[in-house]
PDB file of N, CA and C in Angstrom:
ATOM      1  N   UNK A   1      17.097  18.155  25.095  1.00  0.00           N
ATOM      2  CA  UNK A   1      17.275  17.245  23.972  1.00  0.00           C
ATOM      3  C   UNK A   1      17.731  18.043  22.750  1.00  0.00           C
ATOM      4  N   UNK A   2      18.722  17.541  22.081  1.00  0.00           N
ATOM      5  CA  UNK A   2      19.272  18.220  20.912  1.00  0.00           C
ATOM      6  C   UNK A   2      18.444  17.900  19.674  1.00  0.00           C
ATOM      7  N   UNK A   3      18.258  18.890  18.815  1.00  0.00           N
ATOM      8  CA  UNK A   3      17.568  18.649  17.548  1.00  0.00           C
ATOM      9  C   UNK A   3      18.467  17.831  16.635  1.00  0.00           C
ATOM     10  N   UNK A   4      17.916  16.793  16.048  1.00  0.00           N
ATOM     11  CA  UNK A   4      18.694  15.945  15.152  1.00  0.00           C
ATOM     12  C   UNK A   4      17.987  15.889  13.809  1.00  0.00           C
ATOM     13  N   UNK A   5      18.704  16.100  12.754  1.00  0.00           N
ATOM     14  CA  UNK A   5      18.138  16.057  11.414  1.00  0.00           C
ATOM     15  C   UNK A   5      18.986  15.151  10.535  1.00  0.00           C
ATOM     16  N   UNK A   6      18.386  14.047  10.101  1.00  0.00           N
ATOM     17  CA  UNK A   6      19.084  13.145   9.195  1.00  0.00           C
ATOM     18  C   UNK A   6      19.387  13.853   7.879  1.00  0.00           C
ATOM     19  N   UNK A   7      18.448  14.672   7.420  1.00  0.00           N
ATOM     20  CA  UNK A   7      18.663  15.413   6.181  1.00  0.00           C
ATOM     21  C   UNK A   7      19.871  16.348   6.317  1.00  0.00           C
ATOM     22  N   UNK A   8      19.980  17.047   7.450  1.00  0.00           N
ATOM     23  CA  UNK A   8      21.122  17.945   7.673  1.00  0.00           C
ATOM     24  C   UNK A   8      22.420  17.154   7.725  1.00  0.00           C
ATOM     25  N   UNK A   9      22.375  15.970   8.340  1.00  0.00           N
ATOM     26  CA  UNK A   9      23.561  15.115   8.415  1.00  0.00           C
ATOM     27  C   UNK A   9      24.019  14.709   7.014  1.00  0.00           C
ATOM     28  N   UNK A  10      23.065  14.310   6.167  1.00  0.00           N
ATOM     29  CA  UNK A  10      23.414  13.917   4.797  1.00  0.00           C
ATOM     30  C   UNK A  10      23.931  15.111   4.008  1.00  0.00           C
ATOM     31  N   UNK A  11      23.365  16.309   4.272  1.00  0.00           N
ATOM     32  CA  UNK A  11      23.831  17.507   3.573  1.00  0.00           C
ATOM     33  C   UNK A  11      25.246  17.897   4.028  1.00  0.00           C
ATOM     34  N   UNK A  12      25.616  17.522   5.233  1.00  0.00           N
ATOM     35  CA  UNK A  12      26.947  17.848   5.745  1.00  0.00           C
ATOM     36  C   UNK A  12      28.016  16.873   5.263  1.00  0.00           C
ATOM     37  N   UNK A  13      27.716  15.566   5.328  1.00  0.00           N
ATOM     38  CA  UNK A  13      28.730  14.556   5.019  1.00  0.00           C
ATOM     39  C   UNK A  13      28.566  13.896   3.650  1.00  0.00           C
ATOM     40  N   UNK A  14      27.370  13.952   3.071  1.00  0.00           N
ATOM     41  CA  UNK A  14      27.114  13.215   1.838  1.00  0.00           C
ATOM     42  C   UNK A  14      26.857  11.755   2.143  1.00  0.00           C
ATOM     43  N   UNK A  15      26.683  10.967   1.095  1.00  0.00           N
ATOM     44  CA  UNK A  15      26.457   9.533   1.227  1.00  0.00           C
ATOM     45  C   UNK A  15      27.376   8.818   0.248  1.00  0.00           C
ATOM     46  N   UNK A  16      27.308   7.499   0.229  1.00  0.00           N
ATOM     47  CA  UNK A  16      28.120   6.754  -0.732  1.00  0.00           C
ATOM     48  C   UNK A  16      27.677   7.050  -2.160  1.00  0.00           C
ATOM     49  N   UNK A  17      26.397   7.396  -2.320  1.00  0.00           N
ATOM     50  CA  UNK A  17      25.863   7.672  -3.652  1.00  0.00           C
ATOM     51  C   UNK A  17      26.263   9.045  -4.172  1.00  0.00           C
ATOM     52  N   UNK A  18      26.693   9.932  -3.299  1.00  0.00           N
ATOM     53  CA  UNK A  18      27.035  11.249  -3.801  1.00  0.00           C
ATOM     54  C   UNK A  18      27.608  12.170  -2.751  1.00  0.00           C
ATOM     55  N   UNK A  19      28.069  13.319  -3.236  1.00  0.00           N
ATOM     56  CA  UNK A  19      28.610  14.353  -2.368  1.00  0.00           C
ATOM     57  C   UNK A  19      27.472  14.987  -1.573  1.00  0.00           C
ATOM     58  N   UNK A  20      27.830  15.746  -0.574  1.00  0.00           N
ATOM     59  CA  UNK A  20      26.825  16.400   0.270  1.00  0.00           C
ATOM     60  C   UNK A  20      25.884  17.282  -0.555  1.00  0.00           C
ATOM     61  N   UNK A  21      26.397  17.909  -1.590  1.00  0.00           N
ATOM     62  CA  UNK A  21      25.560  18.784  -2.420  1.00  0.00           C
ATOM     63  C   UNK A  21      24.646  18.000  -3.365  1.00  0.00           C
ATOM     64  N   UNK A  22      24.856  16.679  -3.453  1.00  0.00           N
ATOM     65  CA  UNK A  22      24.052  15.853  -4.362  1.00  0.00           C
ATOM     66  C   UNK A  22      22.880  15.154  -3.684  1.00  0.00           C
ATOM     67  N   UNK A  23      22.625  15.450  -2.405  1.00  0.00           N
ATOM     68  CA  UNK A  23      21.502  14.826  -1.707  1.00  0.00           C
ATOM     69  C   UNK A  23      20.218  15.246  -2.417  1.00  0.00           C
ATOM     70  N   UNK A  24      19.367  14.272  -2.798  1.00  0.00           N
ATOM     71  CA  UNK A  24      18.207  14.581  -3.622  1.00  0.00           C
ATOM     72  C   UNK A  24      17.158  15.456  -2.942  1.00  0.00           C
ATOM     73  N   UNK A  25      16.401  16.150  -3.771  1.00  0.00           N
ATOM     74  CA  UNK A  25      15.305  16.994  -3.318  1.00  0.00           C
ATOM     75  C   UNK A  25      14.121  16.101  -2.951  1.00  0.00           C
ATOM     76  N   UNK A  26      13.577  16.284  -1.764  1.00  0.00           N
ATOM     77  CA  UNK A  26      12.537  15.391  -1.260  1.00  0.00           C
ATOM     78  C   UNK A  26      11.199  15.512  -1.986  1.00  0.00           C
ATOM     79  N   UNK A  27      10.953  16.562  -2.737  1.00  0.00           N
ATOM     80  CA  UNK A  27       9.627  16.726  -3.360  1.00  0.00           C
ATOM     81  C   UNK A  27       9.359  15.743  -4.500  1.00  0.00           C
ATOM     82  N   UNK A  28      10.382  15.045  -4.962  1.00  0.00           N
ATOM     83  CA  UNK A  28      10.198  14.080  -6.036  1.00  0.00           C
ATOM     84  C   UNK A  28      10.013  12.655  -5.516  1.00  0.00           C
ATOM     85  N   UNK A  29       9.867  12.511  -4.216  1.00  0.00           N
ATOM     86  CA  UNK A  29       9.864  11.187  -3.595  1.00  0.00           C
ATOM     87  C   UNK A  29       8.600  10.372  -3.855  1.00  0.00           C
ATOM     88  N   UNK A  30       7.409  10.970  -3.887  1.00  0.00           N
ATOM     89  CA  UNK A  30       6.183  10.181  -3.966  1.00  0.00           C
ATOM     90  C   UNK A  30       6.081   9.328  -5.226  1.00  0.00           C
ATOM     91  N   UNK A  31       6.230   9.884  -6.434  1.00  0.00           N
ATOM     92  CA  UNK A  31       6.142   9.022  -7.618  1.00  0.00           C
ATOM     93  C   UNK A  31       7.200   7.916  -7.607  1.00  0.00           C
ATOM     94  N   UNK A  32       8.393   8.246  -7.156  1.00  0.00           N
ATOM     95  CA  UNK A  32       9.454   7.242  -7.082  1.00  0.00           C
ATOM     96  C   UNK A  32       9.106   6.172  -6.062  1.00  0.00           C
ATOM     97  N   UNK A  33       8.535   6.583  -4.952  1.00  0.00           N
ATOM     98  CA  UNK A  33       8.160   5.643  -3.897  1.00  0.00           C
ATOM     99  C   UNK A  33       7.131   4.638  -4.405  1.00  0.00           C
ATOM    100  N   UNK A  34       6.111   5.122  -5.078  1.00  0.00           N
ATOM    101  CA  UNK A  34       5.058   4.236  -5.574  1.00  0.00           C
ATOM    102  C   UNK A  34       5.620   3.251  -6.594  1.00  0.00           C
ATOM    103  N   UNK A  35       6.429   3.722  -7.521  1.00  0.00           N
ATOM    104  CA  UNK A  35       7.025   2.824  -8.513  1.00  0.00           C
ATOM    105  C   UNK A  35       7.989   1.840  -7.880  1.00  0.00           C
ATOM    106  N   UNK A  36       8.749   2.292  -6.871  1.00  0.00           N
ATOM    107  CA  UNK A  36       9.683   1.411  -6.191  1.00  0.00           C
ATOM    108  C   UNK A  36       8.920   0.302  -5.463  1.00  0.00           C
ATOM    109  N   UNK A  37       7.811   0.652  -4.813  1.00  0.00           N
ATOM    110  CA  UNK A  37       7.017  -0.349  -4.103  1.00  0.00           C
ATOM    111  C   UNK A  37       6.492  -1.398  -5.072  1.00  0.00           C
ATOM    112  N   UNK A  38       5.992  -0.963  -6.199  1.00  0.00           N
ATOM    113  CA  UNK A  38       5.475  -1.908  -7.208  1.00  0.00           C
ATOM    114  C   UNK A  38       6.572  -2.856  -7.701  1.00  0.00           C
ATOM    115  N   UNK A  39       7.718  -2.287  -8.025  1.00  0.00           N
ATOM    116  CA  UNK A  39       8.798  -3.136  -8.546  1.00  0.00           C
ATOM    117  C   UNK A  39       9.350  -4.069  -7.466  1.00  0.00           C
ATOM    118  N   UNK A  40       9.422  -3.597  -6.233  1.00  0.00           N
ATOM    119  CA  UNK A  40       9.893  -4.448  -5.143  1.00  0.00           C
ATOM    120  C   UNK A  40       8.929  -5.614  -4.907  1.00  0.00           C
ATOM    121  N   UNK A  41       7.636  -5.344  -4.961  1.00  0.00           N
ATOM    122  CA  UNK A  41       6.647  -6.409  -4.781  1.00  0.00           C
ATOM    123  C   UNK A  41       6.788  -7.476  -5.862  1.00  0.00           C
ATOM    124  N   UNK A  42       7.013  -7.064  -7.091  1.00  0.00           N
ATOM    125  CA  UNK A  42       7.196  -8.016  -8.199  1.00  0.00           C
ATOM    126  C   UNK A  42       8.453  -8.849  -7.965  1.00  0.00           C
ATOM    127  N   UNK A  43       9.540  -8.198  -7.570  1.00  0.00           N
ATOM    128  CA  UNK A  43      10.801  -8.897  -7.339  1.00  0.00           C
ATOM    129  C   UNK A  43      10.696  -9.889  -6.177  1.00  0.00           C
ATOM    130  N   UNK A  44      10.133  -9.446  -5.070  1.00  0.00           N
ATOM    131  CA  UNK A  44       9.997 -10.318  -3.895  1.00  0.00           C
ATOM    132  C   UNK A  44       9.130 -11.528  -4.231  1.00  0.00           C
ATOM    133  N   UNK A  45       8.059 -11.300  -4.968  1.00  0.00           N
ATOM    134  CA  UNK A  45       7.167 -12.396  -5.349  1.00  0.00           C
ATOM    135  C   UNK A  45       7.872 -13.376  -6.292  1.00  0.00           C
ATOM    136  N   UNK A  46       8.570 -12.850  -7.288  1.00  0.00           N
ATOM    137  CA  UNK A  46       9.208 -13.733  -8.267  1.00  0.00           C
ATOM    138  C   UNK A  46      10.377 -14.529  -7.666  1.00  0.00           C
ATOM    139  N   UNK A  47      11.080 -13.944  -6.697  1.00  0.00           N
ATOM    140  CA  UNK A  47      12.195 -14.638  -6.054  1.00  0.00           C
ATOM    141  C   UNK A  47      11.744 -15.455  -4.838  1.00  0.00           C
ATOM    142  N   UNK A  48      10.467 -15.351  -4.497  1.00  0.00           N
ATOM    143  CA  UNK A  48       9.900 -16.073  -3.348  1.00  0.00           C
ATOM    144  C   UNK A  48      10.690 -15.778  -2.061  1.00  0.00           C
ATOM    145  N   UNK A  49      10.941 -14.477  -1.834  1.00  0.00           N
ATOM    146  CA  UNK A  49      11.671 -14.059  -0.640  1.00  0.00           C
ATOM    147  C   UNK A  49      10.729 -13.917   0.545  1.00  0.00           C
ATOM    148  N   UNK A  50      11.281 -14.142   1.739  1.00  0.00           N
ATOM    149  CA  UNK A  50      10.524 -13.941   2.957  1.00  0.00           C
ATOM    150  C   UNK A  50      11.482 -13.534   4.074  1.00  0.00           C
ATOM    151  N   UNK A  51      10.939 -13.308   5.271  1.00  0.00           N
ATOM    152  CA  UNK A  51      11.775 -12.865   6.385  1.00  0.00           C
ATOM    153  C   UNK A  51      12.813 -13.912   6.772  1.00  0.00           C
ATOM    154  N   UNK A  52      12.477 -15.177   6.657  1.00  0.00           N
ATOM    155  CA  UNK A  52      13.434 -16.218   7.009  1.00  0.00           C
ATOM    156  C   UNK A  52      14.643 -16.205   6.070  1.00  0.00           C
ATOM    157  N   UNK A  53      14.408 -15.984   4.783  1.00  0.00           N
ATOM    158  CA  UNK A  53      15.516 -15.898   3.819  1.00  0.00           C
ATOM    159  C   UNK A  53      16.410 -14.700   4.151  1.00  0.00           C
ATOM    160  N   UNK A  54      15.813 -13.575   4.494  1.00  0.00           N
ATOM    161  CA  UNK A  54      16.593 -12.386   4.860  1.00  0.00           C
ATOM    162  C   UNK A  54      17.365 -12.629   6.148  1.00  0.00           C
ATOM    163  N   UNK A  55      16.742 -13.274   7.107  1.00  0.00           N
ATOM    164  CA  UNK A  55      17.400 -13.567   8.380  1.00  0.00           C
ATOM    165  C   UNK A  55      18.627 -14.458   8.161  1.00  0.00           C
ATOM    166  N   UNK A  56      18.497 -15.467   7.303  1.00  0.00           N
ATOM    167  CA  UNK A  56      19.639 -16.346   7.003  1.00  0.00           C
ATOM    168  C   UNK A  56      20.761 -15.565   6.328  1.00  0.00           C
ATOM    169  N   UNK A  57      20.404 -14.738   5.341  1.00  0.00           N
ATOM    170  CA  UNK A  57      21.411 -13.980   4.601  1.00  0.00           C
ATOM    171  C   UNK A  57      22.148 -13.000   5.509  1.00  0.00           C
ATOM    172  N   UNK A  58      21.402 -12.140   6.224  1.00  0.00           N
ATOM    173  CA  UNK A  58      22.030 -11.105   7.039  1.00  0.00           C
ATOM    174  C   UNK A  58      22.684 -11.665   8.297  1.00  0.00           C
ATOM    175  N   UNK A  59      22.266 -12.848   8.736  1.00  0.00           N
ATOM    176  CA  UNK A  59      22.889 -13.474   9.891  1.00  0.00           C
ATOM    177  C   UNK A  59      24.314 -13.918   9.628  1.00  0.00           C
ATOM    178  N   UNK A  60      24.683 -14.057   8.368  1.00  0.00           N
ATOM    179  CA  UNK A  60      26.032 -14.509   8.004  1.00  0.00           C
ATOM    180  C   UNK A  60      27.000 -13.361   7.712  1.00  0.00           C
ATOM    181  N   UNK A  61      26.550 -12.123   7.811  1.00  0.00           N
ATOM    182  CA  UNK A  61      27.420 -10.983   7.524  1.00  0.00           C
ATOM    183  C   UNK A  61      28.276 -10.630   8.730  1.00  0.00           C
ATOM    184  N   UNK A  62      29.485 -10.175   8.475  1.00  0.00           N
ATOM    185  CA  UNK A  62      30.410  -9.779   9.532  1.00  0.00           C
ATOM    186  C   UNK A  62      30.360  -8.269   9.730  1.00  0.00           C
ATOM    187  N   UNK A  63      30.466  -7.826  10.975  1.00  0.00           N
ATOM    188  CA  UNK A  63      30.441  -6.403  11.293  1.00  0.00           C
ATOM    189  C   UNK A  63      31.818  -5.783  11.034  1.00  0.00           C
ATOM    190  N   UNK A  64      31.829  -4.521  10.570  1.00  0.00           N
ATOM    191  CA  UNK A  64      33.078  -3.790  10.356  1.00  0.00           C
ATOM    192  C   UNK A  64      32.861  -2.323  10.677  1.00  0.00           C
ATOM    193  N   UNK A  65      33.951  -1.573  10.853  1.00  0.00           N
ATOM    194  CA  UNK A  65      33.818  -0.136  11.101  1.00  0.00           C
ATOM    195  C   UNK A  65      33.518   0.564   9.779  1.00  0.00           C
ATOM    196  N   UNK A  66      32.787   1.676   9.869  1.00  0.00           N
ATOM    197  CA  UNK A  66      32.353   2.373   8.656  1.00  0.00           C
ATOM    198  C   UNK A  66      32.620   3.870   8.768  1.00  0.00           C
ATOM    199  N   UNK A  67      32.677   4.531   7.611  1.00  0.00           N
ATOM    200  CA  UNK A  67      32.907   5.980   7.558  1.00  0.00           C
ATOM    201  C   UNK A  67      31.595   6.725   7.768  1.00  0.00           C
ATOM    202  N   UNK A  68      31.690   8.035   7.956  1.00  0.00           N
ATOM    203  CA  UNK A  68      30.489   8.865   8.104  1.00  0.00           C
ATOM    204  C   UNK A  68      29.598   8.771   6.870  1.00  0.00           C
ATOM    205  N   UNK A  69      30.206   8.783   5.682  1.00  0.00           N
ATOM    206  CA  UNK A  69      29.416   8.700   4.449  1.00  0.00           C
ATOM    207  C   UNK A  69      28.712   7.350   4.350  1.00  0.00           C
ATOM    208  N   UNK A  70      29.389   6.282   4.746  1.00  0.00           N
ATOM    209  CA  UNK A  70      28.750   4.967   4.726  1.00  0.00           C
ATOM    210  C   UNK A  70      27.606   4.903   5.729  1.00  0.00           C
ATOM    211  N   UNK A  71      27.821   5.466   6.920  1.00  0.00           N
ATOM    212  CA  UNK A  71      26.771   5.500   7.930  1.00  0.00           C
ATOM    213  C   UNK A  71      25.581   6.320   7.440  1.00  0.00           C
ATOM    214  N   UNK A  72      25.845   7.439   6.792  1.00  0.00           N
ATOM    215  CA  UNK A  72      24.760   8.245   6.221  1.00  0.00           C
ATOM    216  C   UNK A  72      23.974   7.466   5.177  1.00  0.00           C
ATOM    217  N   UNK A  73      24.665   6.682   4.370  1.00  0.00           N
ATOM    218  CA  UNK A  73      23.972   5.876   3.361  1.00  0.00           C
ATOM    219  C   UNK A  73      23.056   4.851   4.026  1.00  0.00           C
ATOM    220  N   UNK A  74      23.513   4.283   5.133  1.00  0.00           N
ATOM    221  CA  UNK A  74      22.662   3.345   5.869  1.00  0.00           C
ATOM    222  C   UNK A  74      21.443   4.071   6.417  1.00  0.00           C
ATOM    223  N   UNK A  75      21.655   5.233   7.043  1.00  0.00           N
ATOM    224  CA  UNK A  75      20.532   6.018   7.557  1.00  0.00           C
ATOM    225  C   UNK A  75      19.572   6.401   6.433  1.00  0.00           C
ATOM    226  N   UNK A  76      20.141   6.769   5.290  1.00  0.00           N
ATOM    227  CA  UNK A  76      19.319   7.160   4.140  1.00  0.00           C
ATOM    228  C   UNK A  76      18.414   6.009   3.717  1.00  0.00           C
ATOM    229  N   UNK A  77      18.968   4.803   3.652  1.00  0.00           N
ATOM    230  CA  UNK A  77      18.171   3.644   3.242  1.00  0.00           C
ATOM    231  C   UNK A  77      17.141   3.267   4.300  1.00  0.00           C
ATOM    232  N   UNK A  78      17.481   3.413   5.582  1.00  0.00           N
ATOM    233  CA  UNK A  78      16.504   3.154   6.640  1.00  0.00           C
ATOM    234  C   UNK A  78      15.357   4.151   6.567  1.00  0.00           C
ATOM    235  N   UNK A  79      15.694   5.429   6.345  1.00  0.00           N
ATOM    236  CA  UNK A  79      14.654   6.444   6.200  1.00  0.00           C
ATOM    237  C   UNK A  79      13.795   6.146   4.976  1.00  0.00           C
ATOM    238  N   UNK A  80      14.428   5.736   3.891  1.00  0.00           N
ATOM    239  CA  UNK A  80      13.714   5.378   2.669  1.00  0.00           C
ATOM    240  C   UNK A  80      12.732   4.239   2.944  1.00  0.00           C
ATOM    241  N   UNK A  81      13.169   3.240   3.711  1.00  0.00           N
ATOM    242  CA  UNK A  81      12.275   2.115   4.013  1.00  0.00           C
ATOM    243  C   UNK A  81      11.102   2.557   4.877  1.00  0.00           C
ATOM    244  N   UNK A  82      11.337   3.487   5.803  1.00  0.00           N
ATOM    245  CA  UNK A  82      10.222   4.018   6.602  1.00  0.00           C
ATOM    246  C   UNK A  82       9.225   4.756   5.720  1.00  0.00           C
ATOM    247  N   UNK A  83       9.733   5.468   4.733  1.00  0.00           N
ATOM    248  CA  UNK A  83       8.844   6.136   3.776  1.00  0.00           C
ATOM    249  C   UNK A  83       8.024   5.111   3.001  1.00  0.00           C
ATOM    250  N   UNK A  84       8.655   4.001   2.640  1.00  0.00           N
ATOM    251  CA  UNK A  84       7.938   2.951   1.906  1.00  0.00           C
ATOM    252  C   UNK A  84       6.808   2.376   2.759  1.00  0.00           C
ATOM    253  N   UNK A  85       7.097   2.127   4.025  1.00  0.00           N
ATOM    254  CA  UNK A  85       6.069   1.592   4.928  1.00  0.00           C
ATOM    255  C   UNK A  85       4.926   2.589   5.077  1.00  0.00           C
ATOM    256  N   UNK A  86       5.258   3.858   5.259  1.00  0.00           N
ATOM    257  CA  UNK A  86       4.221   4.885   5.384  1.00  0.00           C
ATOM    258  C   UNK A  86       3.392   4.974   4.109  1.00  0.00           C
ATOM    259  N   UNK A  87       4.043   4.887   2.963  1.00  0.00           N
ATOM    260  CA  UNK A  87       3.329   4.933   1.683  1.00  0.00           C
ATOM    261  C   UNK A  87       2.405   3.736   1.534  1.00  0.00           C
ATOM    262  N   UNK A  88       2.886   2.550   1.899  1.00  0.00           N
ATOM    263  CA  UNK A  88       2.051   1.340   1.826  1.00  0.00           C
ATOM    264  C   UNK A  88       0.830   1.465   2.719  1.00  0.00           C
ATOM    265  N   UNK A  89       1.028   1.981   3.943  1.00  0.00           N
ATOM    266  CA  UNK A  89      -0.086   2.157   4.858  1.00  0.00           C
ATOM    267  C   UNK A  89      -1.083   3.170   4.302  1.00  0.00           C
ATOM    268  N   UNK A  90      -0.593   4.258   3.736  1.00  0.00           N
ATOM    269  CA  UNK A  90      -1.486   5.260   3.168  1.00  0.00           C
ATOM    270  C   UNK A  90      -2.240   4.727   1.971  1.00  0.00           C
ATOM    271  N   UNK A  91      -1.557   3.990   1.101  1.00  0.00           N
ATOM    272  CA  UNK A  91      -2.212   3.417  -0.079  1.00  0.00           C
ATOM    273  C   UNK A  91      -3.256   2.392   0.345  1.00  0.00           C
ATOM    274  N   UNK A  92      -2.965   1.609   1.382  1.00  0.00           N
ATOM    275  CA  UNK A  92      -3.922   0.598   1.861  1.00  0.00           C
ATOM    276  C   UNK A  92      -5.190   1.235   2.418  1.00  0.00           C
ATOM    277  N   UNK A  93      -5.097   2.469   2.908  1.00  0.00           N
ATOM    278  CA  UNK A  93      -6.263   3.155   3.481  1.00  0.00           C
ATOM    279  C   UNK A  93      -7.158   3.804   2.435  1.00  0.00           C
ATOM    280  N   UNK A  94      -6.688   3.879   1.193  1.00  0.00           N
ATOM    281  CA  UNK A  94      -7.485   4.528   0.141  1.00  0.00           C
ATOM    282  C   UNK A  94      -8.529   3.524  -0.372  1.00  0.00           C
ATOM    283  N   UNK A  95      -9.800   3.944  -0.396  1.00  0.00           N
ATOM    284  CA  UNK A  95     -10.848   3.017  -0.886  1.00  0.00           C
ATOM    285  C   UNK A  95     -10.678   2.681  -2.368  1.00  0.00           C
TER     286      UNK A  95
END
């Protein structure tokens, strides 16, 4: 099995948000993650969003071919969402 690193991939190709050398340093992620979770919760609550609304919206999108940088941006956001889930689980476990 080959070693795969999403971080190395982003450092090689960059993302839509920036060049390969502009990939952010991971040590600043926790404070940003906590604030992002808080703001997302406020937004989702105020807009009354749910999975059905997301399913309707994304079900109407058309598929297209994408560049390496665009694919990296998608991977970056998926990784970011996994971090959010892990942070939520960790915060929920704190008494």
